[in-house]
Amino acid sequence: MAQIIVRNLDDDVKAKLQLRARRHGRSTEEEVRDILRNAVKDEGGTRVGLGSRISEIFAGLGFEDDIPEQRGQPARPADFDS
């Protein structure tokens, strides 16, 4: 396992980390490890776009019609009368 030394850490940052660790019932060192783990958990991985995530959520609900591409089309006001 690697080690990191953080120098010149403000006293109030250290105190807040200690309070946060106590609230979570763990050591300050484990709290810092958890913060760092969460900070980089999505780095280097394949990011899934919003459209793909929405598609996954609604997959299998029975809507199979193609939705026409709207990119580059002028905006049109909604027609609520028809």
C-alpha atoms as a PDB file:
ATOM      1  CA  MET A   1       0.000   0.000   0.000  1.00  0.00           C
ATOM      2  CA  ALA A   2       1.161   3.508  -0.816  1.00  0.00           C
ATOM      3  CA  GLN A   3       1.561   6.333   1.640  1.00  0.00           C
ATOM      4  CA  ILE A   4       1.020  10.043   1.195  1.00  0.00           C
ATOM      5  CA  ILE A   5       2.241  12.763   3.529  1.00  0.00           C
ATOM      6  CA  VAL A   6       0.315  16.020   3.484  1.00  0.00           C
ATOM      7  CA  ARG A   7       2.358  18.925   4.742  1.00  0.00           C
ATOM      8  CA  ASN A   8       1.159  22.411   5.722  1.00  0.00           C
ATOM      9  CA  LEU A   9      -2.416  21.291   6.357  1.00  0.00           C
ATOM     10  CA  ASP A  10      -4.381  24.058   8.052  1.00  0.00           C
ATOM     11  CA  ASP A  11      -5.228  23.340  11.683  1.00  0.00           C
ATOM     12  CA  ASP A  12      -8.942  23.956  11.087  1.00  0.00           C
ATOM     13  CA  VAL A  13      -8.960  21.447   8.201  1.00  0.00           C
ATOM     14  CA  LYS A  14      -7.378  18.829  10.458  1.00  0.00           C
ATOM     15  CA  ALA A  15      -9.892  19.564  13.215  1.00  0.00           C
ATOM     16  CA  LYS A  16     -12.817  19.283  10.785  1.00  0.00           C
ATOM     17  CA  LEU A  17     -11.473  15.991   9.447  1.00  0.00           C
ATOM     18  CA  GLN A  18     -11.244  14.675  12.999  1.00  0.00           C
ATOM     19  CA  LEU A  19     -14.831  15.749  13.747  1.00  0.00           C
ATOM     20  CA  ARG A  20     -16.053  14.183  10.537  1.00  0.00           C
ATOM     21  CA  ALA A  21     -14.227  10.952  11.345  1.00  0.00           C
ATOM     22  CA  ARG A  22     -15.821  10.845  14.807  1.00  0.00           C
ATOM     23  CA  ARG A  23     -19.281  11.370  13.290  1.00  0.00           C
ATOM     24  CA  HIS A  24     -18.651   8.408  10.981  1.00  0.00           C
ATOM     25  CA  GLY A  25     -17.195   6.287  13.780  1.00  0.00           C
ATOM     26  CA  ARG A  26     -13.736   5.814  12.296  1.00  0.00           C
ATOM     27  CA  SER A  27     -10.193   7.083  12.600  1.00  0.00           C
ATOM     28  CA  THR A  28      -9.076  10.286  10.945  1.00  0.00           C
ATOM     29  CA  GLU A  29      -6.766   8.250   8.738  1.00  0.00           C
ATOM     30  CA  GLU A  30      -9.624   6.024   7.542  1.00  0.00           C
ATOM     31  CA  GLU A  31     -11.804   9.098   6.983  1.00  0.00           C
ATOM     32  CA  VAL A  32      -9.144  10.668   4.760  1.00  0.00           C
ATOM     33  CA  ARG A  33      -8.773   7.381   2.833  1.00  0.00           C
ATOM     34  CA  ASP A  34     -12.542   7.304   2.271  1.00  0.00           C
ATOM     35  CA  ILE A  35     -12.606  10.945   1.099  1.00  0.00           C
ATOM     36  CA  LEU A  36      -9.759  10.297  -1.357  1.00  0.00           C
ATOM     37  CA  ARG A  37     -11.337   7.036  -2.586  1.00  0.00           C
ATOM     38  CA  ASN A  38     -14.624   8.824  -3.311  1.00  0.00           C
ATOM     39  CA  ALA A  39     -12.859  11.755  -4.958  1.00  0.00           C
ATOM     40  CA  VAL A  40     -11.257   9.571  -7.625  1.00  0.00           C
ATOM     41  CA  LYS A  41     -13.723   6.691  -7.985  1.00  0.00           C
ATOM     42  CA  ASP A  42     -14.945   7.854 -11.418  1.00  0.00           C
ATOM     43  CA  GLU A  43     -11.513   8.833 -12.743  1.00  0.00           C
ATOM     44  CA  GLY A  44     -10.104   6.748 -15.539  1.00  0.00           C
ATOM     45  CA  GLY A  45     -13.288   4.795 -16.057  1.00  0.00           C
ATOM     46  CA  THR A  46     -15.582   4.927 -19.019  1.00  0.00           C
ATOM     47  CA  ARG A  47     -18.113   7.669 -18.496  1.00  0.00           C
ATOM     48  CA  VAL A  48     -21.654   6.953 -19.558  1.00  0.00           C
ATOM     49  CA  GLY A  49     -23.496   9.894 -21.106  1.00  0.00           C
ATOM     50  CA  LEU A  50     -26.815  11.191 -19.841  1.00  0.00           C
ATOM     51  CA  GLY A  51     -28.715   9.898 -22.859  1.00  0.00           C
ATOM     52  CA  SER A  52     -27.338   6.402 -22.360  1.00  0.00           C
ATOM     53  CA  ARG A  53     -28.237   6.452 -18.657  1.00  0.00           C
ATOM     54  CA  ILE A  54     -31.783   7.598 -19.430  1.00  0.00           C
ATOM     55  CA  SER A  55     -32.066   4.878 -22.081  1.00  0.00           C
ATOM     56  CA  GLU A  56     -30.998   2.253 -19.533  1.00  0.00           C
ATOM     57  CA  ILE A  57     -33.601   3.472 -17.034  1.00  0.00           C
ATOM     58  CA  PHE A  58     -36.468   3.220 -19.519  1.00  0.00           C
ATOM     59  CA  ALA A  59     -35.286   0.125 -21.407  1.00  0.00           C
ATOM     60  CA  GLY A  60     -37.905  -2.590 -21.649  1.00  0.00           C
ATOM     61  CA  LEU A  61     -40.916  -0.356 -20.976  1.00  0.00           C
ATOM     62  CA  GLY A  62     -42.394  -1.003 -24.410  1.00  0.00           C
ATOM     63  CA  PHE A  63     -41.632   2.254 -26.248  1.00  0.00           C
ATOM     64  CA  GLU A  64     -39.967   1.214 -29.476  1.00  0.00           C
ATOM     65  CA  ASP A  65     -40.725   4.098 -31.875  1.00  0.00           C
ATOM     66  CA  ASP A  66     -37.751   5.960 -33.282  1.00  0.00           C
ATOM     67  CA  ILE A  67     -37.392   9.518 -32.055  1.00  0.00           C
ATOM     68  CA  PRO A  68     -36.239  11.829 -34.860  1.00  0.00           C
ATOM     69  CA  GLU A  69     -33.018  13.750 -34.406  1.00  0.00           C
ATOM     70  CA  GLN A  70     -33.718  17.377 -33.468  1.00  0.00           C
ATOM     71  CA  ARG A  71     -30.171  18.711 -33.441  1.00  0.00           C
ATOM     72  CA  GLY A  72     -29.774  21.667 -35.808  1.00  0.00           C
ATOM     73  CA  GLN A  73     -33.528  22.186 -36.180  1.00  0.00           C
ATOM     74  CA  PRO A  74     -35.043  25.568 -35.312  1.00  0.00           C
ATOM     75  CA  ALA A  75     -36.979  25.693 -32.061  1.00  0.00           C
ATOM     76  CA  ARG A  76     -40.735  25.656 -32.546  1.00  0.00           C
ATOM     77  CA  PRO A  77     -43.307  26.818 -30.024  1.00  0.00           C
ATOM     78  CA  ALA A  78     -45.495  24.109 -28.508  1.00  0.00           C
ATOM     79  CA  ASP A  79     -48.919  23.617 -30.140  1.00  0.00           C
ATOM     80  CA  PHE A  80     -51.464  22.789 -27.443  1.00  0.00           C
ATOM     81  CA  ASP A  81     -54.560  23.292 -29.638  1.00  0.00           C
ATOM     82  CA  SER A  82     -54.283  20.201 -31.815  1.00  0.00           C
END
